[in-house]
PDB file of all heavy atoms in Angstrom:
ATOM      1  N   LEU A   1       3.557  21.252   1.141  1.00  0.00           N
ATOM      2  CA  LEU A   1       2.414  21.062   2.022  1.00  0.00           C
ATOM      3  C   LEU A   1       1.388  22.164   1.799  1.00  0.00           C
ATOM      4  O   LEU A   1       1.742  23.264   1.365  1.00  0.00           O
ATOM      5  CB  LEU A   1       2.870  21.057   3.491  1.00  0.00           C
ATOM      6  CG  LEU A   1       3.853  19.947   3.890  1.00  0.00           C
ATOM      7  CD1 LEU A   1       4.396  20.195   5.292  1.00  0.00           C
ATOM      8  CD2 LEU A   1       3.181  18.580   3.811  1.00  0.00           C
ATOM      9  N   PRO A   2       0.135  21.904   2.099  1.00  0.00           N
ATOM     10  CA  PRO A   2      -0.928  22.885   1.856  1.00  0.00           C
ATOM     11  C   PRO A   2      -0.957  23.981   2.926  1.00  0.00           C
ATOM     12  O   PRO A   2      -0.226  23.920   3.915  1.00  0.00           O
ATOM     13  CB  PRO A   2      -2.200  22.028   1.902  1.00  0.00           C
ATOM     14  CG  PRO A   2      -1.848  20.938   2.869  1.00  0.00           C
ATOM     15  CD  PRO A   2      -0.403  20.633   2.637  1.00  0.00           C
ATOM     16  N   PRO A   3      -1.819  24.984   2.745  1.00  0.00           N
ATOM     17  CA  PRO A   3      -1.867  26.097   3.701  1.00  0.00           C
ATOM     18  C   PRO A   3      -2.221  25.683   5.124  1.00  0.00           C
ATOM     19  O   PRO A   3      -1.663  26.208   6.074  1.00  0.00           O
ATOM     20  CB  PRO A   3      -2.934  27.020   3.111  1.00  0.00           C
ATOM     21  CG  PRO A   3      -2.964  26.685   1.659  1.00  0.00           C
ATOM     22  CD  PRO A   3      -2.679  25.223   1.579  1.00  0.00           C
ATOM     23  N   ARG A   4      -3.165  24.768   5.280  1.00  0.00           N
ATOM     24  CA  ARG A   4      -3.583  24.336   6.616  1.00  0.00           C
ATOM     25  C   ARG A   4      -3.156  22.892   6.824  1.00  0.00           C
ATOM     26  O   ARG A   4      -3.532  22.012   6.056  1.00  0.00           O
ATOM     27  CB  ARG A   4      -5.096  24.489   6.789  1.00  0.00           C
ATOM     28  CG  ARG A   4      -5.536  25.940   6.907  1.00  0.00           C
ATOM     29  CD  ARG A   4      -7.039  26.056   7.126  1.00  0.00           C
ATOM     30  NE  ARG A   4      -7.773  25.624   5.952  1.00  0.00           N
ATOM     31  CZ  ARG A   4      -8.037  26.408   4.907  1.00  0.00           C
ATOM     32  NH1 ARG A   4      -7.584  27.640   4.877  1.00  0.00           N
ATOM     33  NH2 ARG A   4      -8.713  25.951   3.876  1.00  0.00           N
ATOM     34  N   LEU A   5      -2.409  22.650   7.889  1.00  0.00           N
ATOM     35  CA  LEU A   5      -1.846  21.327   8.138  1.00  0.00           C
ATOM     36  C   LEU A   5      -2.701  20.536   9.125  1.00  0.00           C
ATOM     37  O   LEU A   5      -3.084  21.041  10.177  1.00  0.00           O
ATOM     38  CB  LEU A   5      -0.428  21.447   8.699  1.00  0.00           C
ATOM     39  CG  LEU A   5       0.599  22.164   7.835  1.00  0.00           C
ATOM     40  CD1 LEU A   5       1.987  22.064   8.466  1.00  0.00           C
ATOM     41  CD2 LEU A   5       0.623  21.622   6.411  1.00  0.00           C
ATOM     42  N   THR A   6      -2.976  19.299   8.762  1.00  0.00           N
ATOM     43  CA  THR A   6      -3.612  18.373   9.692  1.00  0.00           C
ATOM     44  C   THR A   6      -2.560  17.883  10.688  1.00  0.00           C
ATOM     45  O   THR A   6      -1.361  18.121  10.523  1.00  0.00           O
ATOM     46  CB  THR A   6      -4.183  17.166   8.944  1.00  0.00           C
ATOM     47  OG1 THR A   6      -3.097  16.470   8.316  1.00  0.00           O
ATOM     48  CG2 THR A   6      -5.195  17.604   7.880  1.00  0.00           C
ATOM     49  N   ALA A   7      -3.012  17.171  11.716  1.00  0.00           N
ATOM     50  CA  ALA A   7      -2.069  16.589  12.675  1.00  0.00           C
ATOM     51  C   ALA A   7      -1.114  15.640  11.958  1.00  0.00           C
ATOM     52  O   ALA A   7       0.093  15.598  12.245  1.00  0.00           O
ATOM     53  CB  ALA A   7      -2.825  15.871  13.786  1.00  0.00           C
ATOM     54  N   SER A   8      -1.635  14.882  11.007  1.00  0.00           N
ATOM     55  CA  SER A   8      -0.796  13.953  10.251  1.00  0.00           C
ATOM     56  C   SER A   8       0.242  14.696   9.432  1.00  0.00           C
ATOM     57  O   SER A   8       1.415  14.313   9.375  1.00  0.00           O
ATOM     58  CB  SER A   8      -1.656  13.085   9.332  1.00  0.00           C
ATOM     59  OG  SER A   8      -0.865  12.239   8.543  1.00  0.00           O
ATOM     60  N   ALA A   9      -0.174  15.801   8.788  1.00  0.00           N
ATOM     61  CA  ALA A   9       0.763  16.577   7.977  1.00  0.00           C
ATOM     62  C   ALA A   9       1.865  17.169   8.838  1.00  0.00           C
ATOM     63  O   ALA A   9       3.028  17.234   8.419  1.00  0.00           O
ATOM     64  CB  ALA A   9       0.016  17.674   7.229  1.00  0.00           C
ATOM     65  N   ARG A  10       1.522  17.577  10.054  1.00  0.00           N
ATOM     66  CA  ARG A  10       2.550  18.113  10.952  1.00  0.00           C
ATOM     67  C   ARG A  10       3.546  17.016  11.344  1.00  0.00           C
ATOM     68  O   ARG A  10       4.756  17.265  11.446  1.00  0.00           O
ATOM     69  CB  ARG A  10       1.902  18.733  12.189  1.00  0.00           C
ATOM     70  CG  ARG A  10       1.190  20.048  11.902  1.00  0.00           C
ATOM     71  CD  ARG A  10       0.830  20.771  13.192  1.00  0.00           C
ATOM     72  NE  ARG A  10      -0.204  20.079  13.945  1.00  0.00           N
ATOM     73  CZ  ARG A  10      -1.508  20.269  13.779  1.00  0.00           C
ATOM     74  NH1 ARG A  10      -1.948  21.126  12.857  1.00  0.00           N
ATOM     75  NH2 ARG A  10      -2.390  19.607  14.516  1.00  0.00           N
ATOM     76  N   THR A  11       3.024  15.809  11.558  1.00  0.00           N
ATOM     77  CA  THR A  11       3.911  14.689  11.879  1.00  0.00           C
ATOM     78  C   THR A  11       4.851  14.389  10.710  1.00  0.00           C
ATOM     79  O   THR A  11       6.064  14.206  10.897  1.00  0.00           O
ATOM     80  CB  THR A  11       3.089  13.433  12.215  1.00  0.00           C
ATOM     81  OG1 THR A  11       2.313  13.683  13.385  1.00  0.00           O
ATOM     82  CG2 THR A  11       3.983  12.234  12.467  1.00  0.00           C
ATOM     83  N   LEU A  12       4.307  14.355   9.504  1.00  0.00           N
ATOM     84  CA  LEU A  12       5.136  14.077   8.334  1.00  0.00           C
ATOM     85  C   LEU A  12       6.112  15.225   8.070  1.00  0.00           C
ATOM     86  O   LEU A  12       7.242  14.999   7.616  1.00  0.00           O
ATOM     87  CB  LEU A  12       4.262  13.830   7.111  1.00  0.00           C
ATOM     88  CG  LEU A  12       3.444  12.530   7.138  1.00  0.00           C
ATOM     89  CD1 LEU A  12       2.570  12.426   5.894  1.00  0.00           C
ATOM     90  CD2 LEU A  12       4.340  11.305   7.247  1.00  0.00           C
ATOM     91  N   ARG A  13       5.687  16.441   8.355  1.00  0.00           N
ATOM     92  CA  ARG A  13       6.580  17.592   8.198  1.00  0.00           C
ATOM     93  C   ARG A  13       7.805  17.432   9.104  1.00  0.00           C
ATOM     94  O   ARG A  13       8.955  17.609   8.660  1.00  0.00           O
ATOM     95  CB  ARG A  13       5.843  18.884   8.524  1.00  0.00           C
ATOM     96  CG  ARG A  13       6.685  20.143   8.392  1.00  0.00           C
ATOM     97  CD  ARG A  13       5.907  21.350   8.925  1.00  0.00           C
ATOM     98  NE  ARG A  13       6.612  22.581   8.625  1.00  0.00           N
ATOM     99  CZ  ARG A  13       7.608  23.091   9.350  1.00  0.00           C
ATOM    100  NH1 ARG A  13       8.043  22.429  10.419  1.00  0.00           N
ATOM    101  NH2 ARG A  13       8.173  24.232   9.011  1.00  0.00           N
ATOM    102  N   ALA A  14       7.556  17.126  10.372  1.00  0.00           N
ATOM    103  CA  ALA A  14       8.660  16.955  11.315  1.00  0.00           C
ATOM    104  C   ALA A  14       9.571  15.802  10.887  1.00  0.00           C
ATOM    105  O   ALA A  14      10.804  15.894  10.978  1.00  0.00           O
ATOM    106  CB  ALA A  14       8.114  16.715  12.721  1.00  0.00           C
ATOM    107  N   THR A  15       8.975  14.732  10.395  1.00  0.00           N
ATOM    108  CA  THR A  15       9.760  13.574   9.953  1.00  0.00           C
ATOM    109  C   THR A  15      10.603  13.936   8.733  1.00  0.00           C
ATOM    110  O   THR A  15      11.779  13.573   8.648  1.00  0.00           O
ATOM    111  CB  THR A  15       8.824  12.403   9.621  1.00  0.00           C
ATOM    112  OG1 THR A  15       8.028  12.095  10.773  1.00  0.00           O
ATOM    113  CG2 THR A  15       9.601  11.161   9.213  1.00  0.00           C
ATOM    114  N   ALA A  16       9.999  14.668   7.799  1.00  0.00           N
ATOM    115  CA  ALA A  16      10.725  15.061   6.597  1.00  0.00           C
ATOM    116  C   ALA A  16      11.889  15.990   6.928  1.00  0.00           C
ATOM    117  O   ALA A  16      12.992  15.843   6.377  1.00  0.00           O
ATOM    118  CB  ALA A  16       9.769  15.732   5.615  1.00  0.00           C
ATOM    119  N   LEU A  17      11.669  16.928   7.819  1.00  0.00           N
ATOM    120  CA  LEU A  17      12.749  17.831   8.220  1.00  0.00           C
ATOM    121  C   LEU A  17      13.898  17.059   8.861  1.00  0.00           C
ATOM    122  O   LEU A  17      15.079  17.310   8.582  1.00  0.00           O
ATOM    123  CB  LEU A  17      12.216  18.887   9.191  1.00  0.00           C
ATOM    124  CG  LEU A  17      11.412  20.035   8.570  1.00  0.00           C
ATOM    125  CD1 LEU A  17      10.750  20.874   9.649  1.00  0.00           C
ATOM    126  CD2 LEU A  17      12.310  20.913   7.698  1.00  0.00           C
ATOM    127  N   ARG A  18      13.541  16.123   9.713  1.00  0.00           N
ATOM    128  CA  ARG A  18      14.569  15.328  10.376  1.00  0.00           C
ATOM    129  C   ARG A  18      15.381  14.519   9.373  1.00  0.00           C
ATOM    130  O   ARG A  18      16.571  14.270   9.584  1.00  0.00           O
ATOM    131  CB  ARG A  18      13.906  14.407  11.412  1.00  0.00           C
ATOM    132  CG  ARG A  18      14.869  13.479  12.139  1.00  0.00           C
ATOM    133  CD  ARG A  18      14.191  12.750  13.280  1.00  0.00           C
ATOM    134  NE  ARG A  18      12.962  12.108  12.883  1.00  0.00           N
ATOM    135  CZ  ARG A  18      12.887  10.965  12.206  1.00  0.00           C
ATOM    136  NH1 ARG A  18      14.004  10.357  11.828  1.00  0.00           N
ATOM    137  NH2 ARG A  18      11.724  10.442  11.892  1.00  0.00           N
ATOM    138  N   ARG A  19      14.749  14.139   8.288  1.00  0.00           N
ATOM    139  CA  ARG A  19      15.433  13.338   7.273  1.00  0.00           C
ATOM    140  C   ARG A  19      16.125  14.187   6.213  1.00  0.00           C
ATOM    141  O   ARG A  19      16.664  13.662   5.245  1.00  0.00           O
ATOM    142  CB  ARG A  19      14.438  12.374   6.630  1.00  0.00           C
ATOM    143  CG  ARG A  19      13.939  11.331   7.613  1.00  0.00           C
ATOM    144  CD  ARG A  19      12.977  10.349   6.999  1.00  0.00           C
ATOM    145  NE  ARG A  19      13.589   9.590   5.913  1.00  0.00           N
ATOM    146  CZ  ARG A  19      13.060   8.487   5.393  1.00  0.00           C
ATOM    147  NH1 ARG A  19      11.920   8.005   5.878  1.00  0.00           N
ATOM    148  NH2 ARG A  19      13.656   7.860   4.411  1.00  0.00           N
ATOM    149  N   GLY A  20      16.091  15.496   6.379  1.00  0.00           N
ATOM    150  CA  GLY A  20      16.840  16.369   5.487  1.00  0.00           C
ATOM    151  C   GLY A  20      16.085  16.898   4.296  1.00  0.00           C
ATOM    152  O   GLY A  20      16.679  17.479   3.387  1.00  0.00           O
ATOM    153  N   LEU A  21      14.771  16.719   4.238  1.00  0.00           N
ATOM    154  CA  LEU A  21      14.000  17.267   3.136  1.00  0.00           C
ATOM    155  C   LEU A  21      13.754  18.764   3.348  1.00  0.00           C
ATOM    156  O   LEU A  21      13.662  19.232   4.484  1.00  0.00           O
ATOM    157  CB  LEU A  21      12.649  16.562   2.991  1.00  0.00           C
ATOM    158  CG  LEU A  21      12.644  15.262   2.191  1.00  0.00           C
ATOM    159  CD1 LEU A  21      13.270  14.129   2.979  1.00  0.00           C
ATOM    160  CD2 LEU A  21      11.227  14.897   1.752  1.00  0.00           C
ATOM    161  N   ARG A  22      13.654  19.468   2.277  1.00  0.00           N
ATOM    162  CA  ARG A  22      13.270  20.882   2.300  1.00  0.00           C
ATOM    163  C   ARG A  22      11.741  20.942   2.337  1.00  0.00           C
ATOM    164  O   ARG A  22      11.077  20.225   1.598  1.00  0.00           O
ATOM    165  CB  ARG A  22      13.807  21.571   1.051  1.00  0.00           C
ATOM    166  CG  ARG A  22      13.377  23.017   0.844  1.00  0.00           C
ATOM    167  CD  ARG A  22      14.065  23.553  -0.413  1.00  0.00           C
ATOM    168  NE  ARG A  22      13.628  24.893  -0.741  1.00  0.00           N
ATOM    169  CZ  ARG A  22      13.044  25.227  -1.889  1.00  0.00           C
ATOM    170  NH1 ARG A  22      12.800  24.284  -2.799  1.00  0.00           N
ATOM    171  NH2 ARG A  22      12.703  26.470  -2.128  1.00  0.00           N
ATOM    172  N   ILE A  23      11.197  21.785   3.191  1.00  0.00           N
ATOM    173  CA  ILE A  23       9.749  21.905   3.337  1.00  0.00           C
ATOM    174  C   ILE A  23       9.277  23.220   2.742  1.00  0.00           C
ATOM    175  O   ILE A  23       9.854  24.284   3.002  1.00  0.00           O
ATOM    176  CB  ILE A  23       9.323  21.841   4.820  1.00  0.00           C
ATOM    177  CG1 ILE A  23       9.755  20.513   5.441  1.00  0.00           C
ATOM    178  CG2 ILE A  23       7.809  22.039   4.964  1.00  0.00           C
ATOM    179  CD1 ILE A  23       9.110  19.288   4.830  1.00  0.00           C
ATOM    180  N   VAL A  24       8.228  23.159   1.941  1.00  0.00           N
ATOM    181  CA  VAL A  24       7.587  24.353   1.409  1.00  0.00           C
ATOM    182  C   VAL A  24       6.121  24.294   1.790  1.00  0.00           C
ATOM    183  O   VAL A  24       5.407  23.374   1.389  1.00  0.00           O
ATOM    184  CB  VAL A  24       7.737  24.440  -0.129  1.00  0.00           C
ATOM    185  CG1 VAL A  24       6.940  25.615  -0.672  1.00  0.00           C
ATOM    186  CG2 VAL A  24       9.197  24.584  -0.516  1.00  0.00           C
TER     187      VAL A  24
END
């Protein structure tokens, strides 16, 4: 993900974490 997160990026971040993805 980029340095500044949009509301959508934050939603996808939370979804990805819940699904077991590693976030960078």
